[in-house]
């Protein structure tokens, strides 16, 4: 390798090392308390029926459950209440995974927990074992079953 090629290679390596430190750092992880109140301020609420986006919403939770959804401008500031500035973030009521293979997995409980943590709150299992459907097909048509 010639001396000029070595200089160019060294220069490129230094440049690459400098650029690797310029990438955006991931946001700090925020632990959500499940015991007590927490408010998310400034979120954009997504209506899954019509796709409408409503920015500037505050969501108040108590012990992990939503207790109110209000425009942020109408919420009085309470310094004693933990809050997170969630401007630029989206809140979606839940996702339905319409093609999943869960019930036939050895670790189906673990898979369902991970899906729930990722926001999947419903779905259709496309590879359920035959015995899963037998109570419906033997007693009554699926279309007549009551769903919550």
Protein backbone atom coordinates (compact mmCIF):
# COMPACT_ATOMS: atom_id res chain seq x y z
CA UNK A 1 0.00 0.00 0.00
CA UNK A 2 1.42 3.36 -0.99
CA UNK A 3 1.94 6.17 1.50
CA UNK A 4 -0.82 8.34 -0.06
CA UNK A 5 -3.29 5.41 0.02
CA UNK A 6 -2.46 4.88 3.69
CA UNK A 7 -3.11 8.58 4.42
CA UNK A 8 -6.45 8.47 2.60
CA UNK A 9 -7.48 5.29 4.45
CA UNK A 10 -6.48 6.82 7.80
CA UNK A 11 -8.36 10.02 7.00
CA UNK A 12 -11.50 8.08 6.02
CA UNK A 13 -11.29 5.98 9.20
CA UNK A 14 -11.02 9.12 11.35
CA UNK A 15 -13.92 10.74 9.51
CA UNK A 16 -16.07 7.62 10.01
CA UNK A 17 -15.18 7.56 13.72
CA UNK A 18 -16.18 11.21 14.09
CA UNK A 19 -19.49 10.69 12.30
CA UNK A 20 -20.39 7.69 14.44
CA UNK A 21 -20.53 9.99 17.47
CA UNK A 22 -22.94 12.36 15.69
CA UNK A 23 -25.94 10.06 15.52
CA UNK A 24 -28.98 11.03 17.52
CA UNK A 25 -29.10 9.40 20.93
CA UNK A 26 -32.28 7.50 21.82
CA UNK A 27 -34.62 9.27 24.25
CA UNK A 28 -34.28 8.41 27.90
CA UNK A 29 -36.48 5.54 29.05
CA UNK A 30 -39.40 6.71 31.15
CA UNK A 31 -40.84 4.32 33.73
CA UNK A 32 -44.59 4.75 34.00
CA UNK A 33 -45.89 4.43 37.55
CA UNK A 34 -48.80 2.03 37.93
CA UNK A 35 -49.55 3.16 41.47
CA UNK A 36 -50.74 6.72 41.45
CA UNK A 37 -51.58 9.41 38.96
CA UNK A 38 -49.72 10.38 35.81
CA UNK A 39 -50.62 12.88 33.08
CA UNK A 40 -49.43 12.79 29.46
CA UNK A 41 -49.51 16.32 28.03
CA UNK A 42 -49.61 17.38 24.39
CA UNK A 43 -50.24 14.02 22.75
CA UNK A 44 -51.92 13.62 19.39
CA UNK A 45 -54.95 11.36 19.72
CA UNK A 46 -55.63 9.07 16.75
CA UNK A 47 -59.25 8.15 16.02
CA UNK A 48 -59.05 4.66 14.54
CA UNK A 49 -62.55 4.89 13.02
CA UNK A 50 -61.95 7.82 10.68
CA UNK A 51 -58.21 8.51 10.95
CA UNK A 52 -58.73 11.97 12.48
CA UNK A 53 -55.75 13.34 14.41
CA UNK A 54 -56.44 15.56 17.44
CA UNK A 55 -53.25 17.23 18.68
CA UNK A 56 -52.76 18.91 22.05
CA UNK A 57 -54.51 16.38 24.28
CA UNK A 58 -53.82 15.57 27.94
CA UNK A 59 -54.53 12.10 29.24
CA UNK A 60 -54.81 11.59 33.00
CA UNK A 61 -54.18 8.09 34.31
CA UNK A 62 -54.64 6.72 37.79
CA UNK A 63 -53.07 3.37 38.67
CA UNK A 64 -52.49 2.59 35.00
CA UNK A 65 -56.06 3.33 33.88
CA UNK A 66 -57.24 6.32 31.85
CA UNK A 67 -59.57 8.54 33.90
CA UNK A 68 -59.84 11.61 31.63
CA UNK A 69 -58.98 12.83 28.14
CA UNK A 70 -58.98 16.64 27.86
CA UNK A 71 -57.50 19.29 25.58
CA UNK A 72 -54.15 20.33 27.14
CA UNK A 73 -55.14 24.02 27.08
CA UNK A 74 -58.05 23.29 29.45
CA UNK A 75 -56.03 21.33 32.02
CA UNK A 76 -54.95 23.29 35.11
CA UNK A 77 -51.29 22.80 35.88
CA UNK A 78 -50.72 20.87 39.09
CA UNK A 79 -47.05 20.74 40.13
CA UNK A 80 -47.77 17.87 42.55
CA UNK A 81 -49.01 15.65 39.69
CA UNK A 82 -46.31 13.80 37.73
CA UNK A 83 -46.59 14.64 34.05
CA UNK A 84 -44.73 13.84 30.84
CA UNK A 85 -44.46 16.25 27.92
CA UNK A 86 -45.58 13.92 25.13
CA UNK A 87 -45.74 16.54 22.37
CA UNK A 88 -45.00 14.87 19.05
CA UNK A 89 -46.15 11.47 20.32
CA UNK A 90 -49.30 9.64 19.26
CA UNK A 91 -51.88 7.81 21.36
CA UNK A 92 -53.86 5.07 19.64
CA UNK A 93 -56.66 3.16 21.43
CA UNK A 94 -55.17 -0.20 20.47
CA UNK A 95 -54.07 -2.18 17.48
CA UNK A 96 -55.63 -5.36 16.12
CA UNK A 97 -53.19 -7.84 14.64
CA UNK A 98 -55.32 -9.49 11.99
CA UNK A 99 -52.82 -12.19 11.07
CA UNK A 100 -51.01 -13.77 13.97
CA UNK A 101 -49.83 -17.23 14.94
CA UNK A 102 -49.92 -17.28 18.72
CA UNK A 103 -52.05 -20.06 20.15
CA UNK A 104 -50.00 -22.75 18.43
CA UNK A 105 -46.75 -21.49 20.01
CA UNK A 106 -45.09 -23.22 22.95
CA UNK A 107 -44.66 -19.87 24.71
CA UNK A 108 -47.99 -18.31 23.65
CA UNK A 109 -48.42 -16.49 26.99
CA UNK A 110 -45.07 -14.75 26.56
CA UNK A 111 -45.87 -13.83 22.96
CA UNK A 112 -49.22 -12.34 24.03
CA UNK A 113 -47.55 -10.29 26.79
CA UNK A 114 -45.03 -8.84 24.32
CA UNK A 115 -47.81 -8.06 21.83
CA UNK A 116 -49.79 -6.25 24.54
CA UNK A 117 -46.70 -4.24 25.51
CA UNK A 118 -46.40 -3.24 21.83
CA UNK A 119 -50.00 -1.97 21.80
CA UNK A 120 -51.75 -4.97 20.25
CA UNK A 121 -55.03 -5.32 22.13
CA UNK A 122 -56.90 -7.67 19.81
CA UNK A 123 -56.38 -9.95 16.90
CA UNK A 124 -57.24 -12.96 14.82
CA UNK A 125 -55.21 -16.12 15.25
CA UNK A 126 -54.81 -17.65 11.80
CA UNK A 127 -53.27 -20.93 12.88
CA UNK A 128 -55.21 -22.01 15.94
CA UNK A 129 -55.35 -25.72 16.70
CA UNK A 130 -58.56 -27.42 15.62
CA UNK A 131 -59.66 -28.00 19.23
CA UNK A 132 -59.76 -24.21 19.76
CA UNK A 133 -62.74 -23.87 17.42
CA UNK A 134 -64.58 -27.07 18.35
CA UNK A 135 -66.76 -25.49 21.10
CA UNK A 136 -68.16 -23.07 18.51
CA UNK A 137 -68.62 -25.44 15.60
CA UNK A 138 -70.19 -28.22 17.68
CA UNK A 139 -72.69 -26.13 19.64
CA UNK A 140 -73.66 -23.13 17.54
CA UNK A 141 -72.53 -21.16 14.49
CA UNK A 142 -69.73 -18.67 15.15
CA UNK A 143 -71.89 -15.81 13.81
CA UNK A 144 -74.39 -16.29 16.65
CA UNK A 145 -71.83 -16.13 19.46
CA UNK A 146 -71.97 -13.13 21.76
CA UNK A 147 -68.82 -11.00 21.83
CA UNK A 148 -67.94 -8.50 24.58
